[in-house]
Amino acid sequence: MPFLPRIARGVMMLIGIGRQTADTDETPATPTVQATLAMGEIHSDMPLMQHAGFACRPLADSDHVIVFIGGNRQRGVSIASNDQNSRPRDLQPGETCIYSPATGSRIWLKEDGSIAIVPANGKTALTGDLTATGTITGNKVVAQGIKLSTHPHGGVTPGSGKSGAPEAS
């Protein structure tokens, strides 16, 4: 059974864990990475496979799980990546978080059913219509440069009465 050692070696060479050593190459249709594995083994131009609908550009020094097709160490594909330095460490069991390793911004699906959007720079931009079926609470509301809490009502005489209902424009 001289083929058994060859099969065993192929199985042992199927999967490796490596550390990304350079920026991701975004030029090809499928981005590629370069990684160093144990024993100084360097592999470059490995496709970085990701779930459809999700995209990430891992930072250099990220960890990668690499599958070598048929055990051939010249045909590696990164199937998962992790950044040990920036991964959120405050998640509760069952919580999910999409986060940016570079900035720390996150979209956090919390255990109590709430969703937290936490931008690192304090700014969130939405494009398109926004519909809310619940209460919108805010400290400051500005629409077209007019502050809701302090805008003046020109041509209205102060008094104890109340104005009528808002009118459509």
C-alpha atoms as a PDB file:
ATOM      1  CA  MET A   1       0.000   0.000   0.000  1.00  0.00           C
ATOM      2  CA  PRO A   2       2.542   2.580  -1.097  1.00  0.00           C
ATOM      3  CA  PHE A   3      -0.238   5.057  -1.970  1.00  0.00           C
ATOM      4  CA  LEU A   4      -1.359   5.519   1.682  1.00  0.00           C
ATOM      5  CA  PRO A   5       1.523   7.778   2.722  1.00  0.00           C
ATOM      6  CA  ARG A   6       0.888   9.943  -0.340  1.00  0.00           C
ATOM      7  CA  ILE A   7      -2.824  10.237   0.515  1.00  0.00           C
ATOM      8  CA  ALA A   8      -2.037  11.001   4.144  1.00  0.00           C
ATOM      9  CA  ARG A   9       0.396  13.734   3.115  1.00  0.00           C
ATOM     10  CA  GLY A  10      -2.217  15.236   0.751  1.00  0.00           C
ATOM     11  CA  VAL A  11      -4.800  15.344   3.540  1.00  0.00           C
ATOM     12  CA  MET A  12      -2.290  16.981   5.904  1.00  0.00           C
ATOM     13  CA  MET A  13      -1.504  19.628   3.285  1.00  0.00           C
ATOM     14  CA  LEU A  14      -5.182  20.547   2.605  1.00  0.00           C
ATOM     15  CA  ILE A  15      -5.608  23.311   5.207  1.00  0.00           C
ATOM     16  CA  GLY A  16      -3.281  25.898   6.685  1.00  0.00           C
ATOM     17  CA  ILE A  17      -3.463  28.995   8.856  1.00  0.00           C
ATOM     18  CA  GLY A  18      -1.482  31.994   7.698  1.00  0.00           C
ATOM     19  CA  ARG A  19      -0.876  35.647   8.470  1.00  0.00           C
ATOM     20  CA  GLN A  20      -1.510  38.249   5.754  1.00  0.00           C
ATOM     21  CA  THR A  21       1.750  40.029   4.922  1.00  0.00           C
ATOM     22  CA  ALA A  22       0.629  42.737   2.463  1.00  0.00           C
ATOM     23  CA  ASP A  23      -2.408  44.776   1.479  1.00  0.00           C
ATOM     24  CA  THR A  24      -5.160  42.912  -0.361  1.00  0.00           C
ATOM     25  CA  ASP A  25      -4.899  43.183  -4.137  1.00  0.00           C
ATOM     26  CA  GLU A  26      -8.301  44.467  -5.269  1.00  0.00           C
ATOM     27  CA  THR A  27      -7.360  44.589  -8.981  1.00  0.00           C
ATOM     28  CA  PRO A  28      -8.622  41.136 -10.038  1.00  0.00           C
ATOM     29  CA  ALA A  29     -12.347  40.244 -10.106  1.00  0.00           C
ATOM     30  CA  THR A  30     -11.732  38.171  -6.971  1.00  0.00           C
ATOM     31  CA  PRO A  31      -9.336  39.961  -4.597  1.00  0.00           C
ATOM     32  CA  THR A  32      -6.112  38.166  -3.709  1.00  0.00           C
ATOM     33  CA  VAL A  33      -3.908  38.046  -0.624  1.00  0.00           C
ATOM     34  CA  GLN A  34      -0.380  37.112   0.313  1.00  0.00           C
ATOM     35  CA  ALA A  35       0.186  35.154   3.509  1.00  0.00           C
ATOM     36  CA  THR A  36       2.964  33.490   5.454  1.00  0.00           C
ATOM     37  CA  LEU A  37       2.259  30.082   6.942  1.00  0.00           C
ATOM     38  CA  ALA A  38       4.128  28.094   9.551  1.00  0.00           C
ATOM     39  CA  MET A  39       7.730  27.294   8.727  1.00  0.00           C
ATOM     40  CA  GLY A  40       8.015  30.516   6.688  1.00  0.00           C
ATOM     41  CA  GLU A  41       6.003  29.227   3.730  1.00  0.00           C
ATOM     42  CA  ILE A  42       4.943  32.315   1.677  1.00  0.00           C
ATOM     43  CA  HIS A  43       1.973  32.164  -0.684  1.00  0.00           C
ATOM     44  CA  SER A  44       0.835  35.055  -2.861  1.00  0.00           C
ATOM     45  CA  ASP A  45      -1.984  35.741  -5.307  1.00  0.00           C
ATOM     46  CA  MET A  46      -4.373  33.527  -3.341  1.00  0.00           C
ATOM     47  CA  PRO A  47      -8.031  34.280  -4.095  1.00  0.00           C
ATOM     48  CA  LEU A  48      -9.921  35.700  -1.100  1.00  0.00           C
ATOM     49  CA  MET A  49     -13.341  34.033  -1.153  1.00  0.00           C
ATOM     50  CA  GLN A  50     -16.160  35.784   0.729  1.00  0.00           C
ATOM     51  CA  HIS A  51     -19.899  35.280   1.117  1.00  0.00           C
ATOM     52  CA  ALA A  52     -21.946  36.889  -1.656  1.00  0.00           C
ATOM     53  CA  GLY A  53     -23.262  40.248  -0.512  1.00  0.00           C
ATOM     54  CA  PHE A  54     -20.438  40.792   1.985  1.00  0.00           C
ATOM     55  CA  ALA A  55     -17.116  42.392   1.189  1.00  0.00           C
ATOM     56  CA  CYS A  56     -14.122  42.978   3.399  1.00  0.00           C
ATOM     57  CA  ARG A  57     -10.616  44.155   2.691  1.00  0.00           C
ATOM     58  CA  PRO A  58      -8.613  42.547   5.509  1.00  0.00           C
ATOM     59  CA  LEU A  59      -5.728  44.502   6.958  1.00  0.00           C
ATOM     60  CA  ALA A  60      -2.170  43.220   6.715  1.00  0.00           C
ATOM     61  CA  ASP A  61      -1.432  41.052   9.777  1.00  0.00           C
ATOM     62  CA  SER A  62      -4.913  39.436   9.650  1.00  0.00           C
ATOM     63  CA  ASP A  63      -5.154  35.681  10.112  1.00  0.00           C
ATOM     64  CA  HIS A  64      -6.438  33.516   7.224  1.00  0.00           C
ATOM     65  CA  VAL A  65      -7.701  29.958   6.946  1.00  0.00           C
ATOM     66  CA  ILE A  66      -6.339  28.681   3.656  1.00  0.00           C
ATOM     67  CA  VAL A  67      -7.533  25.621   1.764  1.00  0.00           C
ATOM     68  CA  PHE A  68      -5.127  24.092  -0.725  1.00  0.00           C
ATOM     69  CA  ILE A  69      -7.017  22.463  -3.598  1.00  0.00           C
ATOM     70  CA  GLY A  70      -6.157  18.765  -3.746  1.00  0.00           C
ATOM     71  CA  GLY A  71      -3.442  19.331  -1.141  1.00  0.00           C
ATOM     72  CA  ASN A  72      -1.395  21.232  -3.756  1.00  0.00           C
ATOM     73  CA  ARG A  73       0.358  24.026  -1.848  1.00  0.00           C
ATOM     74  CA  GLN A  74       0.566  26.070  -5.068  1.00  0.00           C
ATOM     75  CA  ARG A  75      -3.255  26.333  -5.291  1.00  0.00           C
ATOM     76  CA  GLY A  76      -4.314  28.084  -2.080  1.00  0.00           C
ATOM     77  CA  VAL A  77      -7.613  29.908  -1.473  1.00  0.00           C
ATOM     78  CA  SER A  78      -8.349  31.993   1.621  1.00  0.00           C
ATOM     79  CA  ILE A  79     -11.820  31.036   2.891  1.00  0.00           C
ATOM     80  CA  ALA A  80     -11.908  33.015   6.165  1.00  0.00           C
ATOM     81  CA  SER A  81     -10.063  35.894   7.795  1.00  0.00           C
ATOM     82  CA  ASN A  82      -9.856  37.401  11.270  1.00  0.00           C
ATOM     83  CA  ASP A  83      -8.172  40.482  12.717  1.00  0.00           C
ATOM     84  CA  GLN A  84      -7.158  39.626  16.282  1.00  0.00           C
ATOM     85  CA  ASN A  85      -6.281  43.218  17.118  1.00  0.00           C
ATOM     86  CA  SER A  86      -9.625  44.846  16.268  1.00  0.00           C
ATOM     87  CA  ARG A  87     -12.259  42.149  16.735  1.00  0.00           C
ATOM     88  CA  PRO A  88     -15.014  43.361  19.118  1.00  0.00           C
ATOM     89  CA  ARG A  89     -14.646  41.708  22.500  1.00  0.00           C
ATOM     90  CA  ASP A  90     -17.815  43.022  24.137  1.00  0.00           C
ATOM     91  CA  LEU A  91     -20.386  40.853  22.318  1.00  0.00           C
ATOM     92  CA  GLN A  92     -22.803  38.785  24.372  1.00  0.00           C
ATOM     93  CA  PRO A  93     -23.636  35.149  23.470  1.00  0.00           C
ATOM     94  CA  GLY A  94     -25.710  35.074  20.272  1.00  0.00           C
ATOM     95  CA  GLU A  95     -24.936  38.656  19.221  1.00  0.00           C
ATOM     96  CA  THR A  96     -23.769  39.502  15.707  1.00  0.00           C
ATOM     97  CA  CYS A  97     -21.670  42.466  14.692  1.00  0.00           C
ATOM     98  CA  ILE A  98     -20.490  43.834  11.359  1.00  0.00           C
ATOM     99  CA  TYR A  99     -17.479  45.996  12.130  1.00  0.00           C
ATOM    100  CA  SER A 100     -14.632  47.835  10.482  1.00  0.00           C
ATOM    101  CA  PRO A 101     -11.198  46.713  11.660  1.00  0.00           C
ATOM    102  CA  ALA A 102      -9.743  50.036  10.477  1.00  0.00           C
ATOM    103  CA  THR A 103     -12.143  52.392  12.304  1.00  0.00           C
ATOM    104  CA  GLY A 104     -14.154  50.407  14.842  1.00  0.00           C
ATOM    105  CA  SER A 105     -17.504  51.453  13.310  1.00  0.00           C
ATOM    106  CA  ARG A 106     -20.145  48.761  13.774  1.00  0.00           C
ATOM    107  CA  ILE A 107     -23.649  47.552  13.138  1.00  0.00           C
ATOM    108  CA  TRP A 108     -24.525  45.458  16.150  1.00  0.00           C
ATOM    109  CA  LEU A 109     -27.457  43.032  16.434  1.00  0.00           C
ATOM    110  CA  LYS A 110     -27.849  42.833  20.206  1.00  0.00           C
ATOM    111  CA  GLU A 111     -29.166  40.078  22.452  1.00  0.00           C
ATOM    112  CA  ASP A 112     -32.183  42.163  23.530  1.00  0.00           C
ATOM    113  CA  GLY A 113     -33.362  42.435  19.902  1.00  0.00           C
ATOM    114  CA  SER A 114     -32.163  46.011  19.380  1.00  0.00           C
ATOM    115  CA  ILE A 115     -29.797  47.123  16.635  1.00  0.00           C
ATOM    116  CA  ALA A 116     -27.032  49.599  17.398  1.00  0.00           C
ATOM    117  CA  ILE A 117     -25.341  51.558  14.629  1.00  0.00           C
ATOM    118  CA  VAL A 118     -22.140  52.995  16.053  1.00  0.00           C
ATOM    119  CA  PRO A 119     -20.090  55.104  13.618  1.00  0.00           C
ATOM    120  CA  ALA A 120     -16.532  55.831  14.781  1.00  0.00           C
ATOM    121  CA  ASN A 121     -16.771  59.458  13.609  1.00  0.00           C
ATOM    122  CA  GLY A 122     -20.280  60.041  15.010  1.00  0.00           C
ATOM    123  CA  LYS A 123     -21.836  60.494  11.552  1.00  0.00           C
ATOM    124  CA  THR A 124     -24.382  58.267   9.826  1.00  0.00           C
ATOM    125  CA  ALA A 125     -25.524  58.985   6.264  1.00  0.00           C
ATOM    126  CA  LEU A 126     -28.656  57.548   4.688  1.00  0.00           C
ATOM    127  CA  THR A 127     -29.543  57.873   1.019  1.00  0.00           C
ATOM    128  CA  GLY A 128     -33.182  57.547   0.088  1.00  0.00           C
ATOM    129  CA  ASP A 129     -36.428  57.678   1.994  1.00  0.00           C
ATOM    130  CA  LEU A 130     -36.623  56.751   5.669  1.00  0.00           C
ATOM    131  CA  THR A 131     -39.829  55.403   7.166  1.00  0.00           C
ATOM    132  CA  ALA A 132     -40.200  54.860  10.897  1.00  0.00           C
ATOM    133  CA  THR A 133     -43.229  53.223  12.524  1.00  0.00           C
ATOM    134  CA  GLY A 134     -42.062  54.053  16.031  1.00  0.00           C
ATOM    135  CA  THR A 135     -40.893  57.154  17.847  1.00  0.00           C
ATOM    136  CA  ILE A 136     -37.921  59.098  16.544  1.00  0.00           C
ATOM    137  CA  THR A 137     -35.998  60.677  19.394  1.00  0.00           C
ATOM    138  CA  GLY A 138     -33.167  63.120  18.967  1.00  0.00           C
ATOM    139  CA  ASN A 139     -31.380  65.947  20.718  1.00  0.00           C
ATOM    140  CA  LYS A 140     -31.268  68.222  17.705  1.00  0.00           C
ATOM    141  CA  VAL A 141     -33.323  68.079  14.519  1.00  0.00           C
ATOM    142  CA  VAL A 142     -32.318  70.235  11.559  1.00  0.00           C
ATOM    143  CA  ALA A 143     -34.245  70.214   8.278  1.00  0.00           C
ATOM    144  CA  GLN A 144     -32.963  72.270   5.355  1.00  0.00           C
ATOM    145  CA  GLY A 145     -30.898  74.354   7.771  1.00  0.00           C
ATOM    146  CA  ILE A 146     -33.804  75.119  10.148  1.00  0.00           C
ATOM    147  CA  LYS A 147     -33.547  73.864  13.742  1.00  0.00           C
ATOM    148  CA  LEU A 148     -36.789  72.340  15.007  1.00  0.00           C
ATOM    149  CA  SER A 149     -36.240  73.450  18.609  1.00  0.00           C
ATOM    150  CA  THR A 150     -35.298  77.094  18.036  1.00  0.00           C
ATOM    151  CA  HIS A 151     -36.691  78.243  14.690  1.00  0.00           C
ATOM    152  CA  PRO A 152     -38.611  81.546  14.731  1.00  0.00           C
ATOM    153  CA  HIS A 153     -42.151  82.010  13.488  1.00  0.00           C
ATOM    154  CA  GLY A 154     -42.095  85.218  11.479  1.00  0.00           C
ATOM    155  CA  GLY A 155     -45.233  87.363  11.394  1.00  0.00           C
ATOM    156  CA  VAL A 156     -46.782  85.738  14.494  1.00  0.00           C
ATOM    157  CA  THR A 157     -47.670  87.892  17.493  1.00  0.00           C
ATOM    158  CA  PRO A 158     -46.609  86.293  20.794  1.00  0.00           C
ATOM    159  CA  GLY A 159     -49.502  85.514  23.116  1.00  0.00           C
ATOM    160  CA  SER A 160     -51.092  82.810  25.198  1.00  0.00           C
ATOM    161  CA  GLY A 161     -52.990  81.206  22.331  1.00  0.00           C
ATOM    162  CA  LYS A 162     -51.894  78.227  20.274  1.00  0.00           C
ATOM    163  CA  SER A 163     -51.498  78.111  16.542  1.00  0.00           C
ATOM    164  CA  GLY A 164     -53.494  75.686  14.457  1.00  0.00           C
ATOM    165  CA  ALA A 165     -52.388  72.349  13.123  1.00  0.00           C
ATOM    166  CA  PRO A 166     -49.468  72.257  10.689  1.00  0.00           C
ATOM    167  CA  GLU A 167     -50.372  72.794   7.082  1.00  0.00           C
ATOM    168  CA  ALA A 168     -49.067  70.874   4.111  1.00  0.00           C
ATOM    169  CA  SER A 169     -46.812  72.893   1.874  1.00  0.00           C
END
